Structure formats: C-alpha cells, structure tokens
PDB file of N, CA and C in Angstrom:
ATOM      1  N   MET A   1     105.564  10.132 -53.275  1.00  0.00           N
ATOM      2  CA  MET A   1     106.153  11.428 -53.519  1.00  0.00           C
ATOM      3  C   MET A   1     107.630  11.242 -53.650  1.00  0.00           C
ATOM      4  N   GLU A   2     108.210  12.163 -54.514  1.00  0.00           N
ATOM      5  CA  GLU A   2     109.624  12.201 -54.796  1.00  0.00           C
ATOM      6  C   GLU A   2     110.421  12.845 -53.708  1.00  0.00           C
ATOM      7  N   THR A   3     111.519  12.289 -53.271  1.00  0.00           N
ATOM      8  CA  THR A   3     112.426  12.924 -52.275  1.00  0.00           C
ATOM      9  C   THR A   3     113.589  13.542 -53.005  1.00  0.00           C
ATOM     10  N   ILE A   4     113.763  14.872 -52.659  1.00  0.00           N
ATOM     11  CA  ILE A   4     114.877  15.589 -53.316  1.00  0.00           C
ATOM     12  C   ILE A   4     115.563  16.428 -52.265  1.00  0.00           C
ATOM     13  N   PRO A   5     116.825  16.933 -52.519  1.00  0.00           N
ATOM     14  CA  PRO A   5     117.427  17.871 -51.617  1.00  0.00           C
ATOM     15  C   PRO A   5     116.684  19.274 -51.726  1.00  0.00           C
ATOM     16  N   LEU A   6     116.702  19.929 -50.622  1.00  0.00           N
ATOM     17  CA  LEU A   6     115.961  21.223 -50.558  1.00  0.00           C
ATOM     18  C   LEU A   6     116.418  22.165 -51.623  1.00  0.00           C
ATOM     19  N   THR A   7     117.701  22.172 -52.045  1.00  0.00           N
ATOM     20  CA  THR A   7     118.150  23.010 -53.101  1.00  0.00           C
ATOM     21  C   THR A   7     117.522  22.815 -54.441  1.00  0.00           C
ATOM     22  N   LYS A   8     116.929  21.653 -54.644  1.00  0.00           N
ATOM     23  CA  LYS A   8     116.353  21.349 -55.959  1.00  0.00           C
ATOM     24  C   LYS A   8     114.916  21.808 -56.066  1.00  0.00           C
ATOM     25  N   LEU A   9     114.260  22.332 -54.979  1.00  0.00           N
ATOM     26  CA  LEU A   9     112.946  22.873 -55.070  1.00  0.00           C
ATOM     27  C   LEU A   9     112.990  24.171 -55.903  1.00  0.00           C
ATOM     28  N   ASN A  10     112.096  24.357 -56.766  1.00  0.00           N
ATOM     29  CA  ASN A  10     111.904  25.644 -57.499  1.00  0.00           C
ATOM     30  C   ASN A  10     111.456  26.700 -56.629  1.00  0.00           C
ATOM     31  N   LEU A  11     111.727  27.936 -56.957  1.00  0.00           N
ATOM     32  CA  LEU A  11     111.138  29.042 -56.185  1.00  0.00           C
ATOM     33  C   LEU A  11     109.689  28.984 -56.105  1.00  0.00           C
ATOM     34  N   HIS A  12     109.097  29.241 -55.016  1.00  0.00           N
ATOM     35  CA  HIS A  12     107.668  29.249 -54.707  1.00  0.00           C
ATOM     36  C   HIS A  12     107.002  27.917 -54.863  1.00  0.00           C
ATOM     37  N   SER A  13     107.754  26.778 -54.956  1.00  0.00           N
ATOM     38  CA  SER A  13     107.245  25.421 -54.892  1.00  0.00           C
ATOM     39  C   SER A  13     107.506  24.859 -53.560  1.00  0.00           C
ATOM     40  N   SER A  14     106.440  24.349 -52.898  1.00  0.00           N
ATOM     41  CA  SER A  14     106.551  23.828 -51.499  1.00  0.00           C
ATOM     42  C   SER A  14     107.005  22.469 -51.502  1.00  0.00           C
ATOM     43  N   GLY A  15     107.599  22.067 -50.390  1.00  0.00           N
ATOM     44  CA  GLY A  15     108.021  20.697 -50.149  1.00  0.00           C
ATOM     45  C   GLY A  15     107.790  20.453 -48.641  1.00  0.00           C
ATOM     46  N   ILE A  16     107.846  19.197 -48.293  1.00  0.00           N
ATOM     47  CA  ILE A  16     107.675  18.751 -46.901  1.00  0.00           C
ATOM     48  C   ILE A  16     108.980  18.138 -46.405  1.00  0.00           C
ATOM     49  N   ILE A  17     109.493  18.692 -45.277  1.00  0.00           N
ATOM     50  CA  ILE A  17     110.752  18.209 -44.748  1.00  0.00           C
ATOM     51  C   ILE A  17     110.635  16.718 -44.367  1.00  0.00           C
ATOM     52  N   LYS A  18     111.564  15.913 -44.910  1.00  0.00           N
ATOM     53  CA  LYS A  18     111.609  14.468 -44.585  1.00  0.00           C
ATOM     54  C   LYS A  18     112.609  14.233 -43.510  1.00  0.00           C
ATOM     55  N   GLU A  19     113.896  14.727 -43.788  1.00  0.00           N
ATOM     56  CA  GLU A  19     114.928  14.536 -42.795  1.00  0.00           C
ATOM     57  C   GLU A  19     116.026  15.655 -42.962  1.00  0.00           C
ATOM     58  N   ILE A  20     116.818  15.808 -41.887  1.00  0.00           N
ATOM     59  CA  ILE A  20     117.915  16.756 -41.885  1.00  0.00           C
ATOM     60  C   ILE A  20     119.214  16.004 -41.606  1.00  0.00           C
ATOM     61  N   ASN A  21     120.162  16.006 -42.489  1.00  0.00           N
ATOM     62  CA  ASN A  21     121.366  15.252 -42.436  1.00  0.00           C
ATOM     63  C   ASN A  21     122.574  16.160 -42.176  1.00  0.00           C
ATOM     64  N   CYS A  22     122.435  17.309 -41.576  1.00  0.00           N
ATOM     65  CA  CYS A  22     123.536  18.213 -41.290  1.00  0.00           C
ATOM     66  C   CYS A  22     124.267  17.709 -40.007  1.00  0.00           C
ATOM     67  N   ASN A  23     125.467  18.385 -39.776  1.00  0.00           N
ATOM     68  CA  ASN A  23     126.225  18.091 -38.518  1.00  0.00           C
ATOM     69  C   ASN A  23     125.334  18.474 -37.366  1.00  0.00           C
ATOM     70  N   ASN A  24     125.593  17.951 -36.172  1.00  0.00           N
ATOM     71  CA  ASN A  24     124.692  18.173 -35.049  1.00  0.00           C
ATOM     72  C   ASN A  24     124.542  19.637 -34.651  1.00  0.00           C
ATOM     73  N   THR A  25     125.514  20.501 -34.784  1.00  0.00           N
ATOM     74  CA  THR A  25     125.386  21.919 -34.459  1.00  0.00           C
ATOM     75  C   THR A  25     124.310  22.549 -35.360  1.00  0.00           C
ATOM     76  N   VAL A  26     124.551  22.376 -36.677  1.00  0.00           N
ATOM     77  CA  VAL A  26     123.598  23.014 -37.637  1.00  0.00           C
ATOM     78  C   VAL A  26     122.183  22.358 -37.490  1.00  0.00           C
ATOM     79  N   LYS A  27     122.167  21.080 -37.375  1.00  0.00           N
ATOM     80  CA  LYS A  27     120.846  20.402 -37.191  1.00  0.00           C
ATOM     81  C   LYS A  27     120.120  20.937 -36.040  1.00  0.00           C
ATOM     82  N   ARG A  28     120.733  21.106 -34.885  1.00  0.00           N
ATOM     83  CA  ARG A  28     120.122  21.649 -33.657  1.00  0.00           C
ATOM     84  C   ARG A  28     119.568  23.074 -33.909  1.00  0.00           C
ATOM     85  N   ARG A  29     120.345  23.916 -34.641  1.00  0.00           N
ATOM     86  CA  ARG A  29     119.928  25.278 -34.938  1.00  0.00           C
ATOM     87  C   ARG A  29     118.647  25.252 -35.788  1.00  0.00           C
ATOM     88  N   LEU A  30     118.727  24.353 -36.866  1.00  0.00           N
ATOM     89  CA  LEU A  30     117.595  24.299 -37.786  1.00  0.00           C
ATOM     90  C   LEU A  30     116.289  23.787 -37.023  1.00  0.00           C
ATOM     91  N   LEU A  31     116.481  22.747 -36.197  1.00  0.00           N
ATOM     92  CA  LEU A  31     115.344  22.282 -35.422  1.00  0.00           C
ATOM     93  C   LEU A  31     114.801  23.334 -34.466  1.00  0.00           C
ATOM     94  N   ASP A  32     115.677  24.095 -33.872  1.00  0.00           N
ATOM     95  CA  ASP A  32     115.205  25.160 -32.971  1.00  0.00           C
ATOM     96  C   ASP A  32     114.422  26.239 -33.695  1.00  0.00           C
ATOM     97  N   LEU A  33     114.747  26.440 -34.994  1.00  0.00           N
ATOM     98  CA  LEU A  33     114.064  27.412 -35.866  1.00  0.00           C
ATOM     99  C   LEU A  33     112.716  26.868 -36.278  1.00  0.00           C
ATOM    100  N   GLY A  34     112.410  25.593 -36.077  1.00  0.00           N
ATOM    101  CA  GLY A  34     111.138  24.965 -36.511  1.00  0.00           C
ATOM    102  C   GLY A  34     111.194  24.175 -37.700  1.00  0.00           C
ATOM    103  N   LEU A  35     112.354  23.918 -38.243  1.00  0.00           N
ATOM    104  CA  LEU A  35     112.523  23.060 -39.429  1.00  0.00           C
ATOM    105  C   LEU A  35     112.542  21.578 -38.983  1.00  0.00           C
ATOM    106  N   ILE A  36     111.419  20.993 -38.767  1.00  0.00           N
ATOM    107  CA  ILE A  36     111.312  19.644 -38.234  1.00  0.00           C
ATOM    108  C   ILE A  36     110.612  18.825 -39.354  1.00  0.00           C
ATOM    109  N   PRO A  37     110.817  17.471 -39.345  1.00  0.00           N
ATOM    110  CA  PRO A  37     110.098  16.648 -40.284  1.00  0.00           C
ATOM    111  C   PRO A  37     108.639  16.901 -40.332  1.00  0.00           C
ATOM    112  N   THR A  38     107.995  16.809 -41.468  1.00  0.00           N
ATOM    113  CA  THR A  38     106.675  17.009 -41.768  1.00  0.00           C
ATOM    114  C   THR A  38     106.234  18.542 -41.955  1.00  0.00           C
ATOM    115  N   THR A  39     107.220  19.447 -41.779  1.00  0.00           N
ATOM    116  CA  THR A  39     106.909  20.877 -41.912  1.00  0.00           C
ATOM    117  C   THR A  39     106.995  21.304 -43.382  1.00  0.00           C
ATOM    118  N   ILE A  40     106.152  22.096 -43.790  1.00  0.00           N
ATOM    119  CA  ILE A  40     106.155  22.604 -45.195  1.00  0.00           C
ATOM    120  C   ILE A  40     107.150  23.699 -45.286  1.00  0.00           C
ATOM    121  N   ILE A  41     107.949  23.740 -46.336  1.00  0.00           N
ATOM    122  CA  ILE A  41     109.002  24.686 -46.538  1.00  0.00           C
ATOM    123  C   ILE A  41     108.953  25.139 -48.022  1.00  0.00           C
ATOM    124  N   THR A  42     109.154  26.510 -48.264  1.00  0.00           N
ATOM    125  CA  THR A  42     109.012  27.072 -49.591  1.00  0.00           C
ATOM    126  C   THR A  42     110.122  27.978 -49.855  1.00  0.00           C
ATOM    127  N   PRO A  43     110.941  27.746 -50.846  1.00  0.00           N
ATOM    128  CA  PRO A  43     112.018  28.757 -51.265  1.00  0.00           C
ATOM    129  C   PRO A  43     111.361  29.980 -51.865  1.00  0.00           C
ATOM    130  N   ILE A  44     111.685  31.170 -51.338  1.00  0.00           N
ATOM    131  CA  ILE A  44     110.950  32.385 -51.807  1.00  0.00           C
ATOM    132  C   ILE A  44     111.913  33.395 -52.432  1.00  0.00           C
ATOM    133  N   PHE A  45     113.198  33.267 -52.186  1.00  0.00           N
ATOM    134  CA  PHE A  45     114.154  34.222 -52.758  1.00  0.00           C
ATOM    135  C   PHE A  45     115.503  33.617 -52.835  1.00  0.00           C
ATOM    136  N   LYS A  46     116.219  33.814 -53.913  1.00  0.00           N
ATOM    137  CA  LYS A  46     117.529  33.357 -54.180  1.00  0.00           C
ATOM    138  C   LYS A  46     118.424  34.532 -54.351  1.00  0.00           C
ATOM    139  N   SER A  47     119.561  34.602 -53.672  1.00  0.00           N
ATOM    140  CA  SER A  47     120.516  35.782 -53.838  1.00  0.00           C
ATOM    141  C   SER A  47     121.107  35.603 -55.281  1.00  0.00           C
ATOM    142  N   ILE A  48     121.721  36.720 -55.715  1.00  0.00           N
ATOM    143  CA  ILE A  48     122.275  36.750 -57.053  1.00  0.00           C
ATOM    144  C   ILE A  48     123.226  35.591 -57.333  1.00  0.00           C
ATOM    145  N   SER A  49     124.033  35.290 -56.282  1.00  0.00           N
ATOM    146  CA  SER A  49     125.022  34.166 -56.417  1.00  0.00           C
ATOM    147  C   SER A  49     124.348  32.840 -56.247  1.00  0.00           C
ATOM    148  N   GLY A  50     123.112  32.807 -55.719  1.00  0.00           N
ATOM    149  CA  GLY A  50     122.424  31.549 -55.475  1.00  0.00           C
ATOM    150  C   GLY A  50     122.733  31.030 -54.108  1.00  0.00           C
ATOM    151  N   ASP A  51     123.459  31.742 -53.260  1.00  0.00           N
ATOM    152  CA  ASP A  51     123.767  31.279 -51.896  1.00  0.00           C
ATOM    153  C   ASP A  51     123.881  32.428 -50.986  1.00  0.00           C
ATOM    154  N   PRO A  52     123.063  32.688 -49.956  1.00  0.00           N
ATOM    155  CA  PRO A  52     122.066  31.660 -49.496  1.00  0.00           C
ATOM    156  C   PRO A  52     120.746  31.836 -50.231  1.00  0.00           C
ATOM    157  N   ILE A  53     119.826  30.997 -49.783  1.00  0.00           N
ATOM    158  CA  ILE A  53     118.428  31.017 -50.267  1.00  0.00           C
ATOM    159  C   ILE A  53     117.460  31.269 -49.092  1.00  0.00           C
ATOM    160  N   ALA A  54     116.543  32.104 -49.281  1.00  0.00           N
ATOM    161  CA  ALA A  54     115.513  32.395 -48.277  1.00  0.00           C
ATOM    162  C   ALA A  54     114.349  31.467 -48.412  1.00  0.00           C
ATOM    163  N   TYR A  55     113.943  30.898 -47.289  1.00  0.00           N
ATOM    164  CA  TYR A  55     112.820  29.921 -47.232  1.00  0.00           C
ATOM    165  C   TYR A  55     111.815  30.384 -46.317  1.00  0.00           C
ATOM    166  N   GLU A  56     110.504  30.165 -46.582  1.00  0.00           N
ATOM    167  CA  GLU A  56     109.460  30.450 -45.743  1.00  0.00           C
ATOM    168  C   GLU A  56     108.996  29.202 -45.054  1.00  0.00           C
ATOM    169  N   VAL A  57     108.953  29.197 -43.714  1.00  0.00           N
ATOM    170  CA  VAL A  57     108.587  28.123 -42.839  1.00  0.00           C
ATOM    171  C   VAL A  57     107.693  28.672 -41.787  1.00  0.00           C
ATOM    172  N   ARG A  58     106.483  28.160 -41.703  1.00  0.00           N
ATOM    173  CA  ARG A  58     105.496  28.582 -40.664  1.00  0.00           C
ATOM    174  C   ARG A  58     105.435  30.144 -40.536  1.00  0.00           C
ATOM    175  N   ASN A  59     105.234  30.782 -41.665  1.00  0.00           N
ATOM    176  CA  ASN A  59     105.062  32.227 -41.758  1.00  0.00           C
ATOM    177  C   ASN A  59     106.342  33.006 -41.242  1.00  0.00           C
ATOM    178  N   ASN A  60     107.471  32.362 -41.269  1.00  0.00           N
ATOM    179  CA  ASN A  60     108.775  33.032 -40.961  1.00  0.00           C
ATOM    180  C   ASN A  60     109.731  32.784 -42.145  1.00  0.00           C
ATOM    181  N   VAL A  61     110.634  33.668 -42.356  1.00  0.00           N
ATOM    182  CA  VAL A  61     111.628  33.575 -43.425  1.00  0.00           C
ATOM    183  C   VAL A  61     113.023  33.394 -42.815  1.00  0.00           C
ATOM    184  N   PHE A  62     113.700  32.377 -43.363  1.00  0.00           N
ATOM    185  CA  PHE A  62     115.024  32.001 -42.891  1.00  0.00           C
ATOM    186  C   PHE A  62     115.964  31.912 -44.169  1.00  0.00           C
ATOM    187  N   ALA A  63     117.165  32.427 -43.995  1.00  0.00           N
ATOM    188  CA  ALA A  63     118.172  32.209 -45.052  1.00  0.00           C
ATOM    189  C   ALA A  63     119.061  30.964 -44.659  1.00  0.00           C
ATOM    190  N   ILE A  64     119.146  30.051 -45.588  1.00  0.00           N
ATOM    191  CA  ILE A  64     119.939  28.812 -45.315  1.00  0.00           C
ATOM    192  C   ILE A  64     121.005  28.769 -46.364  1.00  0.00           C
ATOM    193  N   ARG A  65     122.252  28.487 -45.939  1.00  0.00           N
ATOM    194  CA  ARG A  65     123.367  28.363 -46.880  1.00  0.00           C
ATOM    195  C   ARG A  65     123.123  27.074 -47.675  1.00  0.00           C
ATOM    196  N   LYS A  66     123.568  27.161 -48.974  1.00  0.00           N
ATOM    197  CA  LYS A  66     123.396  26.091 -49.938  1.00  0.00           C
ATOM    198  C   LYS A  66     123.962  24.792 -49.394  1.00  0.00           C
ATOM    199  N   GLU A  67     125.192  24.845 -48.788  1.00  0.00           N
ATOM    200  CA  GLU A  67     125.761  23.605 -48.337  1.00  0.00           C
ATOM    201  C   GLU A  67     124.995  22.894 -47.244  1.00  0.00           C
ATOM    202  N   ASP A  68     124.198  23.633 -46.465  1.00  0.00           N
ATOM    203  CA  ASP A  68     123.341  23.053 -45.454  1.00  0.00           C
ATOM    204  C   ASP A  68     121.959  22.629 -46.110  1.00  0.00           C
ATOM    205  N   ALA A  69     121.465  23.394 -46.980  1.00  0.00           N
ATOM    206  CA  ALA A  69     120.197  23.113 -47.652  1.00  0.00           C
ATOM    207  C   ALA A  69     120.291  21.816 -48.513  1.00  0.00           C
ATOM    208  N   GLU A  70     121.463  21.517 -48.996  1.00  0.00           N
ATOM    209  CA  GLU A  70     121.636  20.253 -49.760  1.00  0.00           C
ATOM    210  C   GLU A  70     121.502  19.055 -48.943  1.00  0.00           C
ATOM    211  N   LYS A  71     121.598  19.217 -47.658  1.00  0.00           N
ATOM    212  CA  LYS A  71     121.620  18.044 -46.664  1.00  0.00           C
ATOM    213  C   LYS A  71     120.173  17.924 -46.072  1.00  0.00           C
ATOM    214  N   ILE A  72     119.289  18.774 -46.491  1.00  0.00           N
ATOM    215  CA  ILE A  72     117.904  18.663 -46.040  1.00  0.00           C
ATOM    216  C   ILE A  72     117.060  17.991 -47.167  1.00  0.00           C
ATOM    217  N   LEU A  73     116.505  16.820 -46.845  1.00  0.00           N
ATOM    218  CA  LEU A  73     115.687  16.119 -47.831  1.00  0.00           C
ATOM    219  C   LEU A  73     114.225  16.474 -47.689  1.00  0.00           C
ATOM    220  N   VAL A  74     113.520  16.750 -48.782  1.00  0.00           N
ATOM    221  CA  VAL A  74     112.134  17.067 -48.737  1.00  0.00           C
ATOM    222  C   VAL A  74     111.334  16.162 -49.712  1.00  0.00           C
ATOM    223  N   PHE A  75     110.084  16.031 -49.383  1.00  0.00           N
ATOM    224  CA  PHE A  75     109.154  15.419 -50.368  1.00  0.00           C
ATOM    225  C   PHE A  75     108.669  16.527 -51.270  1.00  0.00           C
ATOM    226  N   LYS A  76     108.769  16.404 -52.542  1.00  0.00           N
ATOM    227  CA  LYS A  76     108.269  17.409 -53.483  1.00  0.00           C
ATOM    228  C   LYS A  76     106.785  17.281 -53.570  1.00  0.00           C
ATOM    229  N   LYS A  77     106.059  18.464 -53.373  1.00  0.00           N
ATOM    230  CA  LYS A  77     104.590  18.369 -53.435  1.00  0.00           C
ATOM    231  C   LYS A  77     104.106  18.489 -54.836  1.00  0.00           C
TER     232      LYS A  77
END
C-alpha cells in the first residue's frame, strides 16, 4: 500500500493511519480523540479555503488543521 500525508487523500476516500509526526501536544490531543495507528480515517468535508478539513474517524467527525494533517501519514486504501 502507498503511504501518503493525510492531506493527499481525496474526499470520501479512506485511508489507514500509519503514524502521527506532530509535536507532542498535538499528537497527544489526536491520540486522545482516537486517531491511532491502524484506524480508518476519511476526509468528508473541506472548507472553502481548504483549511481545516473535516475527517470521519470511528463514526465521529473532527476538523484538523492542514498543517497538522500533513504530518499524519496514512496507507491509501
């Protein structure tokens, strides 16, 4: 499977989280929200400016800033 930054996933295309390379504060927040390796994540809505992007994870929706999403690597399904 191809590894890409989360920001490169097309809307409504799922990926599997491989690793999170954000600073420790952001990484802890994302892990607490359930964004852990092997979790399926799907971009479902992009704001007009493209930042932030809403992602569906485990039947929940989270908005993640583009600068943080670029540091999350996913396996493209």
